[in-house]
C-alpha cells in the first residue's frame, strides 16, 4: 500500500510542477481573488439568502442549507487534516514557490475546495438557476489553491468531492426540516 501512496505522491508533485509552469500575472490576480476566504462562505451564503428572499420562503432554506454544509464540512476537514497531516507543497519542497503565504495547517484535504463545493452544492439545491454559476465559482476557488501553490491536485479533488457530498446531505437535512415545518403549519 505504501508504494501506491508513494506513486500517487509523485504524480501529484509532477502535476503541481506542471501547473506552476503556466503562471501569468492576470491569472494570478484572478486566483488570489478566488482564494479569498469570503468568496467560499459569505458570498455563497448571501446568494442563498437573496434566493430565499426572492422566493418568499417561510424558512430561509438556501441560506440555512449553505450554512449547515459550511459548518459540517469545516469540522470534518479539520479532523481529516489533523489525522492525515500532509505537508503543503512549499513545506514539503522548500524550492517550490507558493504565490501567497503558505497556511500553517496541513494540506489534505483542501478546506477551500471542500467548503466552496459544500456551500455551492447546498445553496444550488434550493436555487436551481444559480447551481451552475455557483459550481463554476467553487471550481475556481479549488483551482486557485493549486495554481497559487498551497495545495496539491489530490487535495482539491478530495476536498471538492467531500464538499459536494456534504452539500447534498445538508440540503437533504434542511429539506426534511422544511417539510416538517410546512406539515405542522395550521391549514
N, C-alpha and C. Protein backbone atom coordinates (compact mmCIF):
# COMPACT_ATOMS: atom_id res chain seq x y z
N UNK A 1 0.82 -1.20 0.00
CA UNK A 1 0.00 0.00 0.00
C UNK A 1 0.86 1.26 0.00
N UNK A 2 1.97 1.24 0.71
CA UNK A 2 2.82 2.43 0.77
C UNK A 2 3.42 2.76 -0.59
N UNK A 3 3.66 1.76 -1.44
CA UNK A 3 4.19 2.04 -2.78
C UNK A 3 3.13 2.75 -3.64
N UNK A 4 1.86 2.41 -3.44
CA UNK A 4 0.78 3.09 -4.15
C UNK A 4 0.72 4.55 -3.71
N UNK A 5 0.81 4.79 -2.42
CA UNK A 5 0.79 6.17 -1.90
C UNK A 5 2.00 6.95 -2.41
N UNK A 6 3.16 6.31 -2.45
CA UNK A 6 4.36 6.98 -2.98
C UNK A 6 4.17 7.35 -4.45
N UNK A 7 3.60 6.44 -5.23
CA UNK A 7 3.34 6.71 -6.65
C UNK A 7 2.37 7.88 -6.80
N UNK A 8 1.29 7.85 -6.02
CA UNK A 8 0.32 8.94 -6.07
C UNK A 8 0.97 10.27 -5.68
N UNK A 9 1.84 10.25 -4.70
CA UNK A 9 2.53 11.47 -4.27
C UNK A 9 3.42 12.00 -5.38
N UNK A 10 4.10 11.10 -6.09
CA UNK A 10 4.96 11.53 -7.21
C UNK A 10 4.12 12.14 -8.33
N UNK A 11 3.00 11.51 -8.65
CA UNK A 11 2.12 12.04 -9.70
C UNK A 11 1.58 13.40 -9.28
N UNK A 12 1.19 13.52 -8.02
CA UNK A 12 0.67 14.78 -7.51
C UNK A 12 1.73 15.89 -7.58
N UNK A 13 2.96 15.57 -7.21
CA UNK A 13 4.05 16.56 -7.26
C UNK A 13 4.33 16.96 -8.70
N UNK A 14 4.34 15.99 -9.61
CA UNK A 14 4.56 16.28 -11.03
C UNK A 14 3.46 17.21 -11.57
N UNK A 15 2.20 16.90 -11.25
CA UNK A 15 1.07 17.71 -11.71
C UNK A 15 1.15 19.13 -11.15
N UNK A 16 1.58 19.25 -9.89
CA UNK A 16 1.73 20.57 -9.30
C UNK A 16 2.82 21.37 -10.01
N UNK A 17 3.95 20.74 -10.29
CA UNK A 17 5.03 21.41 -11.01
C UNK A 17 4.58 21.85 -12.39
N UNK A 18 3.83 20.98 -13.06
CA UNK A 18 3.30 21.32 -14.38
C UNK A 18 2.36 22.52 -14.29
N UNK A 19 1.51 22.53 -13.27
CA UNK A 19 0.56 23.63 -13.07
C UNK A 19 1.29 24.95 -12.82
N UNK A 20 2.35 24.88 -12.05
CA UNK A 20 3.06 26.11 -11.72
C UNK A 20 3.82 26.69 -12.91
N UNK A 21 3.97 25.92 -13.96
CA UNK A 21 4.67 26.42 -15.15
C UNK A 21 3.79 27.32 -16.01
N UNK A 22 2.49 27.40 -15.72
CA UNK A 22 1.59 28.24 -16.53
C UNK A 22 1.18 29.52 -15.80
N UNK A 23 1.98 29.97 -14.88
CA UNK A 23 1.64 31.18 -14.13
C UNK A 23 1.74 32.42 -15.01
N UNK A 24 0.74 33.30 -14.83
CA UNK A 24 0.61 34.50 -15.64
C UNK A 24 -0.02 35.56 -14.75
N UNK A 25 0.50 36.78 -14.74
CA UNK A 25 0.10 37.82 -13.79
C UNK A 25 -1.42 38.06 -13.73
N UNK A 26 -2.14 38.22 -14.86
CA UNK A 26 -3.59 38.43 -14.75
C UNK A 26 -4.31 37.22 -14.14
N UNK A 27 -3.86 36.02 -14.47
CA UNK A 27 -4.46 34.82 -13.91
C UNK A 27 -4.16 34.72 -12.41
N UNK A 28 -2.97 35.13 -12.03
CA UNK A 28 -2.61 35.14 -10.61
C UNK A 28 -3.53 36.07 -9.83
N UNK A 29 -3.79 37.25 -10.37
CA UNK A 29 -4.69 38.20 -9.70
C UNK A 29 -6.09 37.60 -9.55
N UNK A 30 -6.59 36.95 -10.59
CA UNK A 30 -7.90 36.31 -10.54
C UNK A 30 -7.93 35.23 -9.46
N UNK A 31 -6.90 34.40 -9.42
CA UNK A 31 -6.88 33.29 -8.46
C UNK A 31 -6.65 33.76 -7.02
N UNK A 32 -5.93 34.84 -6.84
CA UNK A 32 -5.80 35.40 -5.48
C UNK A 32 -7.17 35.85 -4.99
N UNK A 33 -7.93 36.50 -5.86
CA UNK A 33 -9.29 36.93 -5.51
C UNK A 33 -10.18 35.71 -5.25
N UNK A 34 -10.09 34.70 -6.10
CA UNK A 34 -10.92 33.50 -5.94
C UNK A 34 -10.59 32.75 -4.66
N UNK A 35 -9.39 32.91 -4.17
CA UNK A 35 -8.96 32.21 -2.97
C UNK A 35 -9.32 32.95 -1.67
N UNK A 36 -9.90 34.13 -1.80
CA UNK A 36 -10.27 34.92 -0.62
C UNK A 36 -11.29 34.15 0.22
N UNK A 37 -11.15 34.21 1.52
CA UNK A 37 -11.99 33.43 2.44
C UNK A 37 -13.47 33.75 2.30
N UNK A 38 -13.81 34.99 2.02
CA UNK A 38 -15.21 35.40 1.99
C UNK A 38 -15.96 34.86 0.77
N UNK A 39 -15.24 34.54 -0.31
CA UNK A 39 -15.93 34.07 -1.51
C UNK A 39 -16.62 32.73 -1.26
N UNK A 40 -15.93 31.81 -0.62
CA UNK A 40 -16.47 30.47 -0.41
C UNK A 40 -17.48 30.40 0.71
N UNK A 41 -17.65 31.45 1.43
CA UNK A 41 -18.60 31.41 2.54
C UNK A 41 -19.61 32.55 2.43
N UNK A 42 -19.21 33.74 2.74
CA UNK A 42 -20.14 34.87 2.81
C UNK A 42 -20.84 35.13 1.47
N UNK A 43 -20.10 35.12 0.37
CA UNK A 43 -20.72 35.39 -0.92
C UNK A 43 -21.74 34.30 -1.28
N UNK A 44 -21.36 33.03 -1.14
CA UNK A 44 -22.27 31.94 -1.48
C UNK A 44 -23.50 31.95 -0.57
N UNK A 45 -23.31 32.22 0.71
CA UNK A 45 -24.44 32.27 1.64
C UNK A 45 -25.34 33.47 1.35
N UNK A 46 -24.74 34.57 0.96
CA UNK A 46 -25.54 35.76 0.60
C UNK A 46 -26.39 35.48 -0.63
N UNK A 47 -25.85 34.76 -1.58
CA UNK A 47 -26.62 34.38 -2.76
C UNK A 47 -27.82 33.52 -2.33
N UNK A 48 -27.59 32.59 -1.41
CA UNK A 48 -28.69 31.78 -0.89
C UNK A 48 -29.75 32.62 -0.21
N UNK A 49 -29.32 33.61 0.58
CA UNK A 49 -30.27 34.47 1.28
C UNK A 49 -31.10 35.28 0.29
N UNK A 50 -30.48 35.81 -0.75
CA UNK A 50 -31.20 36.58 -1.76
C UNK A 50 -32.20 35.67 -2.49
N UNK A 51 -31.78 34.46 -2.78
CA UNK A 51 -32.67 33.49 -3.43
C UNK A 51 -33.89 33.22 -2.53
N UNK A 52 -33.65 33.05 -1.24
CA UNK A 52 -34.75 32.83 -0.29
C UNK A 52 -35.71 34.02 -0.26
N UNK A 53 -35.16 35.22 -0.24
CA UNK A 53 -35.99 36.42 -0.20
C UNK A 53 -36.83 36.55 -1.47
N UNK A 54 -36.22 36.29 -2.61
CA UNK A 54 -36.95 36.40 -3.88
C UNK A 54 -38.10 35.41 -3.96
N UNK A 55 -37.93 34.25 -3.34
CA UNK A 55 -38.98 33.23 -3.39
C UNK A 55 -39.94 33.32 -2.20
N UNK A 56 -39.69 34.27 -1.32
CA UNK A 56 -40.54 34.50 -0.13
C UNK A 56 -40.79 33.20 0.64
N UNK A 57 -39.70 32.51 0.93
CA UNK A 57 -39.82 31.24 1.64
C UNK A 57 -40.10 31.46 3.12
N UNK A 58 -40.87 30.54 3.71
CA UNK A 58 -41.17 30.58 5.14
C UNK A 58 -39.87 30.45 5.94
N UNK A 59 -39.04 29.51 5.54
CA UNK A 59 -37.72 29.32 6.15
C UNK A 59 -36.67 29.73 5.12
N UNK A 60 -35.58 30.36 5.54
CA UNK A 60 -34.51 30.69 4.58
C UNK A 60 -33.67 29.43 4.28
N UNK A 61 -34.27 28.52 3.53
CA UNK A 61 -33.69 27.19 3.35
C UNK A 61 -32.37 27.18 2.59
N UNK A 62 -32.21 28.03 1.59
CA UNK A 62 -30.95 28.06 0.84
C UNK A 62 -29.82 28.55 1.74
N UNK A 63 -30.10 29.61 2.48
CA UNK A 63 -29.12 30.13 3.42
C UNK A 63 -28.80 29.11 4.51
N UNK A 64 -29.82 28.53 5.08
CA UNK A 64 -29.64 27.54 6.14
C UNK A 64 -28.89 26.32 5.63
N UNK A 65 -29.25 25.85 4.47
CA UNK A 65 -28.59 24.70 3.88
C UNK A 65 -27.10 24.98 3.64
N UNK A 66 -26.80 26.14 3.10
CA UNK A 66 -25.40 26.51 2.88
C UNK A 66 -24.61 26.63 4.17
N UNK A 67 -25.24 27.22 5.18
CA UNK A 67 -24.56 27.39 6.48
C UNK A 67 -24.30 26.04 7.15
N UNK A 68 -25.29 25.14 7.09
CA UNK A 68 -25.11 23.80 7.66
C UNK A 68 -23.99 23.07 6.92
N UNK A 69 -24.00 23.15 5.60
CA UNK A 69 -22.97 22.49 4.79
C UNK A 69 -21.59 23.05 5.12
N UNK A 70 -21.50 24.37 5.22
CA UNK A 70 -20.21 25.00 5.53
C UNK A 70 -19.70 24.53 6.89
N UNK A 71 -20.57 24.54 7.89
CA UNK A 71 -20.16 24.13 9.24
C UNK A 71 -19.76 22.67 9.32
N UNK A 72 -20.57 21.80 8.74
CA UNK A 72 -20.26 20.36 8.76
C UNK A 72 -18.94 20.08 8.04
N UNK A 73 -18.76 20.72 6.92
CA UNK A 73 -17.55 20.50 6.12
C UNK A 73 -16.31 21.03 6.83
N UNK A 74 -16.42 22.20 7.41
CA UNK A 74 -15.27 22.78 8.13
C UNK A 74 -14.81 21.86 9.24
N UNK A 75 -15.76 21.31 9.99
CA UNK A 75 -15.42 20.41 11.09
C UNK A 75 -14.77 19.12 10.57
N UNK A 76 -15.36 18.51 9.56
CA UNK A 76 -14.82 17.26 9.03
C UNK A 76 -13.44 17.47 8.41
N UNK A 77 -13.26 18.55 7.69
CA UNK A 77 -11.95 18.84 7.08
C UNK A 77 -10.88 19.01 8.16
N UNK A 78 -11.22 19.71 9.22
CA UNK A 78 -10.28 19.90 10.32
C UNK A 78 -9.85 18.55 10.91
N UNK A 79 -10.81 17.67 11.12
CA UNK A 79 -10.50 16.35 11.67
C UNK A 79 -9.62 15.54 10.71
N UNK A 80 -9.94 15.57 9.43
CA UNK A 80 -9.14 14.82 8.45
C UNK A 80 -7.74 15.41 8.33
N UNK A 81 -7.64 16.74 8.24
CA UNK A 81 -6.33 17.39 8.14
C UNK A 81 -5.42 16.97 9.29
N UNK A 82 -5.97 17.00 10.50
CA UNK A 82 -5.15 16.63 11.66
C UNK A 82 -4.79 15.16 11.67
N UNK A 83 -5.65 14.31 11.12
CA UNK A 83 -5.36 12.89 11.06
C UNK A 83 -4.34 12.53 10.00
N UNK A 84 -4.43 13.17 8.82
CA UNK A 84 -3.53 12.86 7.71
C UNK A 84 -2.22 13.62 7.84
N UNK A 85 -2.29 14.90 8.18
CA UNK A 85 -1.13 15.76 8.41
C UNK A 85 -0.16 15.79 7.21
N UNK A 86 -0.69 16.01 6.03
CA UNK A 86 0.15 16.12 4.83
C UNK A 86 0.73 17.52 4.74
N UNK A 87 2.03 17.59 4.49
CA UNK A 87 2.70 18.89 4.38
C UNK A 87 2.27 19.60 3.10
N UNK A 88 2.19 20.90 3.17
CA UNK A 88 1.85 21.70 1.99
C UNK A 88 3.05 21.68 1.03
N UNK A 89 2.79 21.99 -0.26
CA UNK A 89 3.86 21.90 -1.26
C UNK A 89 5.14 22.66 -0.91
N UNK A 90 5.02 23.90 -0.47
CA UNK A 90 6.22 24.70 -0.17
C UNK A 90 6.93 24.22 1.10
N UNK A 91 6.20 23.52 1.96
CA UNK A 91 6.82 22.96 3.17
C UNK A 91 7.51 21.64 2.82
N UNK A 92 6.86 20.82 1.99
CA UNK A 92 7.43 19.53 1.58
C UNK A 92 8.65 19.72 0.69
N UNK A 93 8.64 20.77 -0.12
CA UNK A 93 9.75 21.06 -1.03
C UNK A 93 10.09 22.55 -0.93
N UNK A 94 11.08 22.90 -0.11
CA UNK A 94 11.42 24.32 0.09
C UNK A 94 11.82 25.07 -1.18
N UNK A 95 12.13 24.36 -2.26
CA UNK A 95 12.47 25.03 -3.51
C UNK A 95 11.22 25.45 -4.29
N UNK A 96 10.06 24.90 -3.90
CA UNK A 96 8.82 25.25 -4.57
C UNK A 96 8.33 26.60 -4.07
N UNK A 97 7.90 27.46 -5.00
CA UNK A 97 7.47 28.81 -4.63
C UNK A 97 5.94 28.94 -4.70
N UNK A 98 5.35 29.16 -3.54
CA UNK A 98 3.92 29.47 -3.48
C UNK A 98 3.76 30.96 -3.77
N UNK A 99 2.65 31.32 -4.40
CA UNK A 99 2.42 32.72 -4.76
C UNK A 99 1.77 33.53 -3.66
N UNK A 100 1.31 32.86 -2.62
CA UNK A 100 0.71 33.52 -1.46
C UNK A 100 1.34 32.90 -0.21
N UNK A 101 1.06 33.48 0.93
CA UNK A 101 1.57 32.94 2.19
C UNK A 101 1.02 31.52 2.39
N UNK A 102 1.91 30.61 2.70
CA UNK A 102 1.50 29.22 2.91
C UNK A 102 0.86 29.09 4.29
N UNK A 103 -0.38 28.62 4.34
CA UNK A 103 -1.04 28.44 5.63
C UNK A 103 -0.28 27.42 6.50
N UNK A 104 -0.45 27.53 7.79
CA UNK A 104 0.25 26.62 8.70
C UNK A 104 -0.47 25.29 8.88
N UNK A 105 -1.72 25.22 8.44
CA UNK A 105 -2.49 23.98 8.59
C UNK A 105 -2.02 22.94 7.57
N UNK A 106 -2.30 21.66 7.83
CA UNK A 106 -1.94 20.62 6.86
C UNK A 106 -2.66 20.82 5.53
N UNK A 107 -2.17 20.14 4.51
CA UNK A 107 -2.64 20.34 3.14
C UNK A 107 -3.86 19.52 2.76
N UNK A 108 -3.98 18.30 3.28
CA UNK A 108 -5.02 17.36 2.81
C UNK A 108 -6.15 17.19 3.79
N UNK A 109 -7.39 17.36 3.32
CA UNK A 109 -7.86 17.85 2.02
C UNK A 109 -7.93 19.37 2.02
N UNK A 110 -8.17 19.93 0.87
CA UNK A 110 -8.29 21.38 0.77
C UNK A 110 -9.58 21.86 1.42
N UNK A 111 -9.44 22.68 2.45
CA UNK A 111 -10.62 23.25 3.10
C UNK A 111 -11.35 24.23 2.20
N UNK A 112 -10.59 24.98 1.39
CA UNK A 112 -11.23 25.92 0.46
C UNK A 112 -12.10 25.16 -0.55
N UNK A 113 -11.52 24.11 -1.15
CA UNK A 113 -12.29 23.34 -2.14
C UNK A 113 -13.50 22.68 -1.48
N UNK A 114 -13.30 22.11 -0.31
CA UNK A 114 -14.38 21.40 0.37
C UNK A 114 -15.52 22.34 0.75
N UNK A 115 -15.20 23.45 1.40
CA UNK A 115 -16.27 24.36 1.83
C UNK A 115 -16.92 25.08 0.65
N UNK A 116 -16.14 25.39 -0.38
CA UNK A 116 -16.73 26.04 -1.56
C UNK A 116 -17.73 25.11 -2.23
N UNK A 117 -17.34 23.85 -2.43
CA UNK A 117 -18.26 22.91 -3.08
C UNK A 117 -19.43 22.55 -2.18
N UNK A 118 -19.20 22.45 -0.89
CA UNK A 118 -20.30 22.15 0.03
C UNK A 118 -21.34 23.26 0.00
N UNK A 119 -20.90 24.49 0.12
CA UNK A 119 -21.81 25.63 0.16
C UNK A 119 -22.49 25.82 -1.20
N UNK A 120 -21.72 25.72 -2.28
CA UNK A 120 -22.30 25.89 -3.62
C UNK A 120 -23.34 24.80 -3.90
N UNK A 121 -23.04 23.57 -3.53
CA UNK A 121 -23.98 22.47 -3.76
C UNK A 121 -25.24 22.66 -2.94
N UNK A 122 -25.08 22.96 -1.67
CA UNK A 122 -26.23 23.10 -0.77
C UNK A 122 -27.13 24.26 -1.20
N UNK A 123 -26.55 25.40 -1.51
CA UNK A 123 -27.34 26.55 -1.96
C UNK A 123 -27.95 26.25 -3.33
N UNK A 124 -27.17 25.63 -4.21
CA UNK A 124 -27.66 25.31 -5.55
C UNK A 124 -28.83 24.34 -5.56
N UNK A 125 -28.94 23.50 -4.54
CA UNK A 125 -30.07 22.57 -4.47
C UNK A 125 -31.39 23.32 -4.29
N UNK A 126 -31.34 24.50 -3.69
CA UNK A 126 -32.56 25.30 -3.47
C UNK A 126 -32.69 26.44 -4.48
N UNK A 127 -31.65 26.70 -5.22
CA UNK A 127 -31.66 27.77 -6.23
C UNK A 127 -31.15 27.18 -7.55
N UNK A 128 -31.97 26.36 -8.22
CA UNK A 128 -31.51 25.63 -9.40
C UNK A 128 -30.93 26.50 -10.52
N UNK A 129 -31.47 27.68 -10.71
CA UNK A 129 -30.96 28.56 -11.77
C UNK A 129 -29.53 29.04 -11.48
N UNK A 130 -29.17 29.06 -10.22
CA UNK A 130 -27.84 29.53 -9.83
C UNK A 130 -26.85 28.39 -9.62
N UNK A 131 -27.32 27.15 -9.77
CA UNK A 131 -26.48 25.99 -9.48
C UNK A 131 -25.18 25.99 -10.30
N UNK A 132 -25.29 26.15 -11.61
CA UNK A 132 -24.10 26.11 -12.46
C UNK A 132 -23.13 27.24 -12.14
N UNK A 133 -23.59 28.50 -12.04
CA UNK A 133 -22.64 29.56 -11.68
C UNK A 133 -21.98 29.33 -10.31
N UNK A 134 -22.74 28.81 -9.34
CA UNK A 134 -22.17 28.53 -8.03
C UNK A 134 -21.09 27.45 -8.12
N UNK A 135 -21.36 26.40 -8.88
CA UNK A 135 -20.38 25.32 -9.01
C UNK A 135 -19.15 25.76 -9.80
N UNK A 136 -19.34 26.63 -10.78
CA UNK A 136 -18.19 27.18 -11.52
C UNK A 136 -17.33 28.03 -10.57
N UNK A 137 -17.98 28.83 -9.74
CA UNK A 137 -17.23 29.64 -8.77
C UNK A 137 -16.50 28.74 -7.77
N UNK A 138 -17.14 27.65 -7.34
CA UNK A 138 -16.49 26.72 -6.42
C UNK A 138 -15.27 26.07 -7.09
N UNK A 139 -15.40 25.72 -8.36
CA UNK A 139 -14.27 25.14 -9.10
C UNK A 139 -13.13 26.15 -9.21
N UNK A 140 -13.47 27.41 -9.41
CA UNK A 140 -12.46 28.47 -9.49
C UNK A 140 -11.72 28.59 -8.15
N UNK A 141 -12.46 28.52 -7.05
CA UNK A 141 -11.85 28.56 -5.72
C UNK A 141 -10.88 27.38 -5.57
N UNK A 142 -11.33 26.18 -5.93
CA UNK A 142 -10.50 24.99 -5.79
C UNK A 142 -9.23 25.09 -6.65
N UNK A 143 -9.40 25.45 -7.91
CA UNK A 143 -8.25 25.56 -8.81
C UNK A 143 -7.26 26.61 -8.34
N UNK A 144 -7.77 27.67 -7.73
CA UNK A 144 -6.89 28.74 -7.26
C UNK A 144 -5.87 28.21 -6.25
N UNK A 145 -6.27 27.23 -5.46
CA UNK A 145 -5.39 26.72 -4.40
C UNK A 145 -4.18 25.98 -4.98
N UNK A 146 -4.38 25.26 -6.08
CA UNK A 146 -3.25 24.59 -6.74
C UNK A 146 -2.42 25.61 -7.48
N UNK A 147 -3.07 26.48 -8.23
CA UNK A 147 -2.36 27.49 -9.00
C UNK A 147 -1.47 28.35 -8.10
N UNK A 148 -1.99 28.71 -6.93
CA UNK A 148 -1.22 29.56 -6.01
C UNK A 148 -0.14 28.78 -5.25
N UNK A 149 -0.17 27.46 -5.37
CA UNK A 149 0.89 26.63 -4.81
C UNK A 149 0.72 26.25 -3.35
N UNK A 150 -0.49 26.28 -2.84
CA UNK A 150 -0.70 25.93 -1.43
C UNK A 150 -1.38 24.58 -1.25
N UNK A 151 -1.72 23.91 -2.36
CA UNK A 151 -2.32 22.58 -2.31
C UNK A 151 -1.85 21.76 -3.49
N UNK A 152 -1.96 20.45 -3.34
CA UNK A 152 -1.75 19.51 -4.43
C UNK A 152 -3.10 19.24 -5.10
N UNK A 153 -3.05 18.64 -6.31
CA UNK A 153 -4.28 18.31 -7.03
C UNK A 153 -5.15 17.33 -6.25
N UNK A 154 -4.55 16.35 -5.61
CA UNK A 154 -5.34 15.38 -4.83
C UNK A 154 -6.08 16.08 -3.69
N UNK A 155 -5.45 17.09 -3.10
CA UNK A 155 -6.09 17.84 -2.00
C UNK A 155 -7.40 18.47 -2.46
N UNK A 156 -7.36 19.09 -3.65
CA UNK A 156 -8.58 19.77 -4.10
C UNK A 156 -9.60 18.77 -4.64
N UNK A 157 -9.14 17.69 -5.26
CA UNK A 157 -10.08 16.68 -5.78
C UNK A 157 -10.86 16.04 -4.64
N UNK A 158 -10.16 15.64 -3.59
CA UNK A 158 -10.83 15.03 -2.45
C UNK A 158 -11.68 16.07 -1.72
N UNK A 159 -11.16 17.27 -1.56
CA UNK A 159 -11.93 18.34 -0.90
C UNK A 159 -13.21 18.65 -1.64
N UNK A 160 -13.14 18.77 -2.96
CA UNK A 160 -14.33 19.09 -3.76
C UNK A 160 -15.36 17.96 -3.68
N UNK A 161 -14.89 16.73 -3.76
CA UNK A 161 -15.81 15.58 -3.69
C UNK A 161 -16.47 15.49 -2.32
N UNK A 162 -15.67 15.63 -1.29
CA UNK A 162 -16.19 15.60 0.08
C UNK A 162 -17.20 16.74 0.29
N UNK A 163 -16.84 17.93 -0.16
CA UNK A 163 -17.71 19.08 -0.01
C UNK A 163 -19.04 18.92 -0.73
N UNK A 164 -19.00 18.44 -1.97
CA UNK A 164 -20.24 18.24 -2.73
C UNK A 164 -21.13 17.22 -2.03
N UNK A 165 -20.54 16.15 -1.53
CA UNK A 165 -21.33 15.12 -0.83
C UNK A 165 -21.98 15.70 0.43
N UNK A 166 -21.23 16.46 1.19
CA UNK A 166 -21.79 17.08 2.40
C UNK A 166 -22.84 18.11 2.03
N UNK A 167 -22.64 18.83 0.93
CA UNK A 167 -23.64 19.79 0.46
C UNK A 167 -24.97 19.12 0.16
N UNK A 168 -24.92 17.96 -0.49
CA UNK A 168 -26.15 17.20 -0.76
C UNK A 168 -26.81 16.77 0.54
N UNK A 169 -26.02 16.27 1.48
CA UNK A 169 -26.58 15.81 2.76
C UNK A 169 -27.21 16.98 3.51
N UNK A 170 -26.52 18.11 3.54
CA UNK A 170 -27.05 19.29 4.24
C UNK A 170 -28.36 19.75 3.60
N UNK A 171 -28.41 19.77 2.27
CA UNK A 171 -29.64 20.18 1.59
C UNK A 171 -30.77 19.21 1.90
N UNK A 172 -30.46 17.92 1.93
CA UNK A 172 -31.48 16.91 2.25
C UNK A 172 -32.00 17.12 3.68
N UNK A 173 -31.08 17.35 4.63
CA UNK A 173 -31.49 17.58 6.02
C UNK A 173 -32.38 18.81 6.16
N UNK A 174 -31.98 19.88 5.51
CA UNK A 174 -32.77 21.11 5.58
C UNK A 174 -34.12 20.91 4.91
N UNK A 175 -34.15 20.17 3.81
CA UNK A 175 -35.43 19.87 3.14
C UNK A 175 -36.36 19.10 4.08
N UNK A 176 -35.80 18.18 4.89
CA UNK A 176 -36.61 17.42 5.85
C UNK A 176 -37.21 18.36 6.90
N UNK A 177 -36.41 19.29 7.38
CA UNK A 177 -36.89 20.27 8.36
C UNK A 177 -37.97 21.15 7.73
N UNK A 178 -37.73 21.60 6.52
CA UNK A 178 -38.71 22.44 5.82
C UNK A 178 -40.04 21.69 5.66
N UNK A 179 -39.97 20.44 5.26
CA UNK A 179 -41.20 19.64 5.10
C UNK A 179 -41.95 19.50 6.41
N UNK A 180 -41.25 19.31 7.50
CA UNK A 180 -41.90 19.18 8.81
C UNK A 180 -42.54 20.50 9.24
N UNK A 181 -41.87 21.62 8.97
CA UNK A 181 -42.43 22.92 9.32
C UNK A 181 -43.71 23.16 8.51
N UNK A 182 -43.66 22.85 7.24
CA UNK A 182 -44.84 23.04 6.40
C UNK A 182 -45.98 22.13 6.84
N UNK A 183 -45.67 20.86 7.20
CA UNK A 183 -46.70 19.93 7.68
C UNK A 183 -47.33 20.37 8.98
N UNK A 184 -46.54 20.98 9.85
CA UNK A 184 -47.06 21.38 11.16
C UNK A 184 -47.79 22.72 11.13
N UNK A 185 -47.72 23.42 10.03
CA UNK A 185 -48.39 24.72 9.88
C UNK A 185 -49.89 24.48 9.80
N UNK A 186 -50.67 25.21 10.62
CA UNK A 186 -52.13 25.04 10.57
C UNK A 186 -52.70 25.43 9.21
N UNK A 187 -53.69 24.70 8.78
CA UNK A 187 -54.28 24.93 7.44
C UNK A 187 -55.22 26.11 7.43
